[in-house]
PDB file of all heavy atoms in Angstrom:
ATOM      1  N   MET A   1     244.446-114.427 126.901  1.00  0.00           N
ATOM      2  CA  MET A   1     245.205-114.704 125.687  1.00  0.00           C
ATOM      3  C   MET A   1     244.597-115.878 124.936  1.00  0.00           C
ATOM      4  O   MET A   1     244.399-115.823 123.707  1.00  0.00           O
ATOM      5  CB  MET A   1     246.662-115.009 126.063  1.00  0.00           C
ATOM      6  CG  MET A   1     247.615-115.115 124.886  1.00  0.00           C
ATOM      7  SD  MET A   1     249.214-115.813 125.371  1.00  0.00           S
ATOM      8  CE  MET A   1     249.599-114.843 126.818  1.00  0.00           C
ATOM      9  N   THR A   2     244.279-116.953 125.659  1.00  0.00           N
ATOM     10  CA  THR A   2     243.679-118.126 125.036  1.00  0.00           C
ATOM     11  C   THR A   2     242.317-117.800 124.440  1.00  0.00           C
ATOM     12  O   THR A   2     242.007-118.205 123.314  1.00  0.00           O
ATOM     13  CB  THR A   2     243.535-119.263 126.068  1.00  0.00           C
ATOM     14  OG1 THR A   2     244.794-119.501 126.702  1.00  0.00           O
ATOM     15  CG2 THR A   2     243.048-120.540 125.409  1.00  0.00           C
ATOM     16  N   SER A   3     241.488-117.041 125.181  1.00  0.00           N
ATOM     17  CA  SER A   3     240.162-116.663 124.686  1.00  0.00           C
ATOM     18  C   SER A   3     240.259-115.861 123.394  1.00  0.00           C
ATOM     19  O   SER A   3     239.466-116.051 122.462  1.00  0.00           O
ATOM     20  CB  SER A   3     239.419-115.847 125.746  1.00  0.00           C
ATOM     21  OG  SER A   3     239.213-116.593 126.917  1.00  0.00           O
ATOM     22  N   PHE A   4     241.228-114.977 123.335  1.00  0.00           N
ATOM     23  CA  PHE A   4     241.420-114.154 122.140  1.00  0.00           C
ATOM     24  C   PHE A   4     241.760-115.025 120.930  1.00  0.00           C
ATOM     25  O   PHE A   4     241.159-114.889 119.854  1.00  0.00           O
ATOM     26  CB  PHE A   4     242.542-113.141 122.413  1.00  0.00           C
ATOM     27  CG  PHE A   4     243.010-112.409 121.188  1.00  0.00           C
ATOM     28  CD1 PHE A   4     242.239-111.414 120.617  1.00  0.00           C
ATOM     29  CD2 PHE A   4     244.239-112.701 120.601  1.00  0.00           C
ATOM     30  CE1 PHE A   4     242.666-110.739 119.486  1.00  0.00           C
ATOM     31  CE2 PHE A   4     244.683-112.033 119.473  1.00  0.00           C
ATOM     32  CZ  PHE A   4     243.889-111.046 118.920  1.00  0.00           C
ATOM     33  N   TRP A   5     242.679-115.965 121.101  1.00  0.00           N
ATOM     34  CA  TRP A   5     243.105-116.782 119.968  1.00  0.00           C
ATOM     35  C   TRP A   5     242.072-117.849 119.605  1.00  0.00           C
ATOM     36  O   TRP A   5     242.041-118.311 118.467  1.00  0.00           O
ATOM     37  CB  TRP A   5     244.469-117.405 120.250  1.00  0.00           C
ATOM     38  CG  TRP A   5     245.569-116.406 120.088  1.00  0.00           C
ATOM     39  CD1 TRP A   5     246.294-115.794 121.061  1.00  0.00           C
ATOM     40  CD2 TRP A   5     246.040-115.864 118.846  1.00  0.00           C
ATOM     41  NE1 TRP A   5     247.180-114.904 120.517  1.00  0.00           N
ATOM     42  CE2 TRP A   5     247.053-114.926 119.155  1.00  0.00           C
ATOM     43  CE3 TRP A   5     245.696-116.072 117.516  1.00  0.00           C
ATOM     44  CZ2 TRP A   5     247.725-114.215 118.183  1.00  0.00           C
ATOM     45  CZ3 TRP A   5     246.369-115.361 116.534  1.00  0.00           C
ATOM     46  CH2 TRP A   5     247.374-114.441 116.865  1.00  0.00           C
ATOM     47  N   ILE A   6     241.211-118.228 120.562  1.00  0.00           N
ATOM     48  CA  ILE A   6     240.135-119.162 120.239  1.00  0.00           C
ATOM     49  C   ILE A   6     239.191-118.541 119.210  1.00  0.00           C
ATOM     50  O   ILE A   6     238.712-119.221 118.282  1.00  0.00           O
ATOM     51  CB  ILE A   6     239.360-119.567 121.513  1.00  0.00           C
ATOM     52  CG1 ILE A   6     240.171-120.599 122.315  1.00  0.00           C
ATOM     53  CG2 ILE A   6     237.985-120.137 121.174  1.00  0.00           C
ATOM     54  CD1 ILE A   6     239.545-120.975 123.643  1.00  0.00           C
ATOM     55  N   LYS A   7     238.920-117.246 119.326  1.00  0.00           N
ATOM     56  CA  LYS A   7     238.035-116.573 118.371  1.00  0.00           C
ATOM     57  C   LYS A   7     238.642-116.593 116.965  1.00  0.00           C
ATOM     58  O   LYS A   7     237.939-116.831 115.977  1.00  0.00           O
ATOM     59  CB  LYS A   7     237.788-115.133 118.820  1.00  0.00           C
ATOM     60  CG  LYS A   7     237.051-115.020 120.138  1.00  0.00           C
ATOM     61  CD  LYS A   7     236.986-113.577 120.610  1.00  0.00           C
ATOM     62  CE  LYS A   7     236.346-113.485 121.989  1.00  0.00           C
ATOM     63  NZ  LYS A   7     236.363-112.102 122.504  1.00  0.00           N
ATOM     64  N   ILE A   8     239.930-116.358 116.874  1.00  0.00           N
ATOM     65  CA  ILE A   8     240.595-116.392 115.567  1.00  0.00           C
ATOM     66  C   ILE A   8     240.658-117.822 115.034  1.00  0.00           C
ATOM     67  O   ILE A   8     240.481-118.062 113.832  1.00  0.00           O
ATOM     68  CB  ILE A   8     241.996-115.769 115.675  1.00  0.00           C
ATOM     69  CG1 ILE A   8     241.875-114.272 116.016  1.00  0.00           C
ATOM     70  CG2 ILE A   8     242.794-115.968 114.387  1.00  0.00           C
ATOM     71  CD1 ILE A   8     243.178-113.554 116.194  1.00  0.00           C
ATOM     72  N   PHE A   9     240.866-118.778 115.920  1.00  0.00           N
ATOM     73  CA  PHE A   9     240.855-120.187 115.526  1.00  0.00           C
ATOM     74  C   PHE A   9     239.497-120.563 114.932  1.00  0.00           C
ATOM     75  O   PHE A   9     239.421-121.241 113.894  1.00  0.00           O
ATOM     76  CB  PHE A   9     241.162-121.075 116.738  1.00  0.00           C
ATOM     77  CG  PHE A   9     241.057-122.547 116.467  1.00  0.00           C
ATOM     78  CD1 PHE A   9     242.155-123.263 116.014  1.00  0.00           C
ATOM     79  CD2 PHE A   9     239.860-123.218 116.661  1.00  0.00           C
ATOM     80  CE1 PHE A   9     242.062-124.627 115.754  1.00  0.00           C
ATOM     81  CE2 PHE A   9     239.753-124.576 116.405  1.00  0.00           C
ATOM     82  CZ  PHE A   9     240.855-125.285 115.954  1.00  0.00           C
ATOM     83  N   ALA A  10     238.408-120.124 115.584  1.00  0.00           N
ATOM     84  CA  ALA A  10     237.064-120.454 115.109  1.00  0.00           C
ATOM     85  C   ALA A  10     236.806-119.871 113.721  1.00  0.00           C
ATOM     86  O   ALA A  10     236.219-120.532 112.853  1.00  0.00           O
ATOM     87  CB  ALA A  10     236.022-119.941 116.098  1.00  0.00           C
ATOM     88  N   LEU A  11     237.232-118.635 113.511  1.00  0.00           N
ATOM     89  CA  LEU A  11     237.065-118.000 112.203  1.00  0.00           C
ATOM     90  C   LEU A  11     237.819-118.779 111.130  1.00  0.00           C
ATOM     91  O   LEU A  11     237.285-119.064 110.044  1.00  0.00           O
ATOM     92  CB  LEU A  11     237.569-116.550 112.266  1.00  0.00           C
ATOM     93  CG  LEU A  11     237.652-115.791 110.949  1.00  0.00           C
ATOM     94  CD1 LEU A  11     236.267-115.640 110.336  1.00  0.00           C
ATOM     95  CD2 LEU A  11     238.303-114.423 111.160  1.00  0.00           C
ATOM     96  N   THR A  12     239.036-119.153 111.419  1.00  0.00           N
ATOM     97  CA  THR A  12     239.860-119.893 110.455  1.00  0.00           C
ATOM     98  C   THR A  12     239.284-121.279 110.193  1.00  0.00           C
ATOM     99  O   THR A  12     239.246-121.743 109.046  1.00  0.00           O
ATOM    100  CB  THR A  12     241.297-120.024 110.988  1.00  0.00           C
ATOM    101  OG1 THR A  12     241.782-118.739 111.373  1.00  0.00           O
ATOM    102  CG2 THR A  12     242.212-120.609 109.937  1.00  0.00           C
ATOM    103  N   PHE A  13     238.826-121.929 111.244  1.00  0.00           N
ATOM    104  CA  PHE A  13     238.252-123.269 111.118  1.00  0.00           C
ATOM    105  C   PHE A  13     237.031-123.247 110.196  1.00  0.00           C
ATOM    106  O   PHE A  13     236.878-124.120 109.327  1.00  0.00           O
ATOM    107  CB  PHE A  13     237.862-123.796 112.501  1.00  0.00           C
ATOM    108  CG  PHE A  13     237.219-125.150 112.488  1.00  0.00           C
ATOM    109  CD1 PHE A  13     237.992-126.299 112.404  1.00  0.00           C
ATOM    110  CD2 PHE A  13     235.837-125.274 112.557  1.00  0.00           C
ATOM    111  CE1 PHE A  13     237.400-127.551 112.388  1.00  0.00           C
ATOM    112  CE2 PHE A  13     235.236-126.524 112.536  1.00  0.00           C
ATOM    113  CZ  PHE A  13     236.013-127.662 112.458  1.00  0.00           C
ATOM    114  N   ALA A  14     236.170-122.243 110.354  1.00  0.00           N
ATOM    115  CA  ALA A  14     234.954-122.151 109.550  1.00  0.00           C
ATOM    116  C   ALA A  14     235.277-121.990 108.063  1.00  0.00           C
ATOM    117  O   ALA A  14     234.694-122.677 107.215  1.00  0.00           O
ATOM    118  CB  ALA A  14     234.094-120.986 110.041  1.00  0.00           C
ATOM    119  N   ILE A  15     236.195-121.102 107.754  1.00  0.00           N
ATOM    120  CA  ILE A  15     236.562-120.888 106.353  1.00  0.00           C
ATOM    121  C   ILE A  15     237.250-122.130 105.793  1.00  0.00           C
ATOM    122  O   ILE A  15     237.032-122.537 104.644  1.00  0.00           O
ATOM    123  CB  ILE A  15     237.495-119.668 106.212  1.00  0.00           C
ATOM    124  CG1 ILE A  15     236.798-118.394 106.692  1.00  0.00           C
ATOM    125  CG2 ILE A  15     237.938-119.500 104.765  1.00  0.00           C
ATOM    126  CD1 ILE A  15     235.722-117.882 105.790  1.00  0.00           C
ATOM    127  N   GLY A  16     238.074-122.777 106.607  1.00  0.00           N
ATOM    128  CA  GLY A  16     238.778-123.977 106.157  1.00  0.00           C
ATOM    129  C   GLY A  16     237.837-125.114 105.809  1.00  0.00           C
ATOM    130  O   GLY A  16     238.018-125.800 104.794  1.00  0.00           O
ATOM    131  N   VAL A  17     236.811-125.328 106.635  1.00  0.00           N
ATOM    132  CA  VAL A  17     235.839-126.389 106.354  1.00  0.00           C
ATOM    133  C   VAL A  17     235.071-126.076 105.073  1.00  0.00           C
ATOM    134  O   VAL A  17     234.869-126.943 104.218  1.00  0.00           O
ATOM    135  CB  VAL A  17     234.871-126.556 107.542  1.00  0.00           C
ATOM    136  CG1 VAL A  17     233.712-127.467 107.159  1.00  0.00           C
ATOM    137  CG2 VAL A  17     235.610-127.129 108.747  1.00  0.00           C
ATOM    138  N   ALA A  18     234.644-124.832 104.922  1.00  0.00           N
ATOM    139  CA  ALA A  18     233.864-124.443 103.741  1.00  0.00           C
ATOM    140  C   ALA A  18     234.649-124.655 102.454  1.00  0.00           C
ATOM    141  O   ALA A  18     234.114-125.157 101.454  1.00  0.00           O
ATOM    142  CB  ALA A  18     233.433-122.980 103.869  1.00  0.00           C
ATOM    143  N   THR A  19     235.918-124.293 102.458  1.00  0.00           N
ATOM    144  CA  THR A  19     236.729-124.444 101.242  1.00  0.00           C
ATOM    145  C   THR A  19     237.164-125.887 101.029  1.00  0.00           C
ATOM    146  O   THR A  19     237.383-126.309  99.885  1.00  0.00           O
ATOM    147  CB  THR A  19     237.974-123.546 101.312  1.00  0.00           C
ATOM    148  OG1 THR A  19     238.716-123.845 102.513  1.00  0.00           O
ATOM    149  CG2 THR A  19     237.575-122.073 101.338  1.00  0.00           C
ATOM    150  N   GLY A  20     237.276-126.655 102.101  1.00  0.00           N
ATOM    151  CA  GLY A  20     237.722-128.038 101.968  1.00  0.00           C
ATOM    152  C   GLY A  20     236.681-128.949 101.340  1.00  0.00           C
ATOM    153  O   GLY A  20     237.021-129.945 100.686  1.00  0.00           O
ATOM    154  N   LEU A  21     235.386-128.630 101.524  1.00  0.00           N
ATOM    155  CA  LEU A  21     234.330-129.476 100.970  1.00  0.00           C
ATOM    156  C   LEU A  21     234.387-129.547  99.449  1.00  0.00           C
ATOM    157  O   LEU A  21     233.952-130.526  98.845  1.00  0.00           O
ATOM    158  CB  LEU A  21     232.956-128.943 101.420  1.00  0.00           C
ATOM    159  CG  LEU A  21     232.636-129.101 102.910  1.00  0.00           C
ATOM    160  CD1 LEU A  21     231.334-128.387 103.249  1.00  0.00           C
ATOM    161  CD2 LEU A  21     232.550-130.568 103.301  1.00  0.00           C
ATOM    162  N   VAL A  22     234.923-128.507  98.828  1.00  0.00           N
ATOM    163  CA  VAL A  22     234.982-128.461  97.367  1.00  0.00           C
ATOM    164  C   VAL A  22     235.855-129.583  96.820  1.00  0.00           C
ATOM    165  O   VAL A  22     235.593-130.116  95.726  1.00  0.00           O
ATOM    166  CB  VAL A  22     235.507-127.089  96.895  1.00  0.00           C
ATOM    167  CG1 VAL A  22     235.607-127.028  95.377  1.00  0.00           C
ATOM    168  CG2 VAL A  22     234.619-125.973  97.423  1.00  0.00           C
ATOM    169  N   GLN A  23     236.892-129.969  97.566  1.00  0.00           N
ATOM    170  CA  GLN A  23     237.862-130.939  97.050  1.00  0.00           C
ATOM    171  C   GLN A  23     237.223-132.280  96.735  1.00  0.00           C
ATOM    172  O   GLN A  23     237.551-132.923  95.728  1.00  0.00           O
ATOM    173  CB  GLN A  23     239.006-131.141  98.057  1.00  0.00           C
ATOM    174  CG  GLN A  23     239.626-129.862  98.596  1.00  0.00           C
ATOM    175  CD  GLN A  23     240.027-128.907  97.502  1.00  0.00           C
ATOM    176  OE1 GLN A  23     240.588-129.304  96.499  1.00  0.00           O
ATOM    177  NE2 GLN A  23     239.724-127.630  97.688  1.00  0.00           N
ATOM    178  N   ALA A  24     236.294-132.710  97.610  1.00  0.00           N
ATOM    179  CA  ALA A  24     235.660-134.017  97.401  1.00  0.00           C
ATOM    180  C   ALA A  24     234.896-134.048  96.084  1.00  0.00           C
ATOM    181  O   ALA A  24     234.909-135.058  95.363  1.00  0.00           O
ATOM    182  CB  ALA A  24     234.729-134.325  98.566  1.00  0.00           C
TER     183      ALA A  24
END
C-alpha cells in the first residue's frame, strides 16, 4: 500500500515543484 502511494506522491511532487517555480 505504501509503495503504491509513494509512486503517486512522486508524480504529484514533480508537477508541484515545476509549477511552483513560476511564482518566484
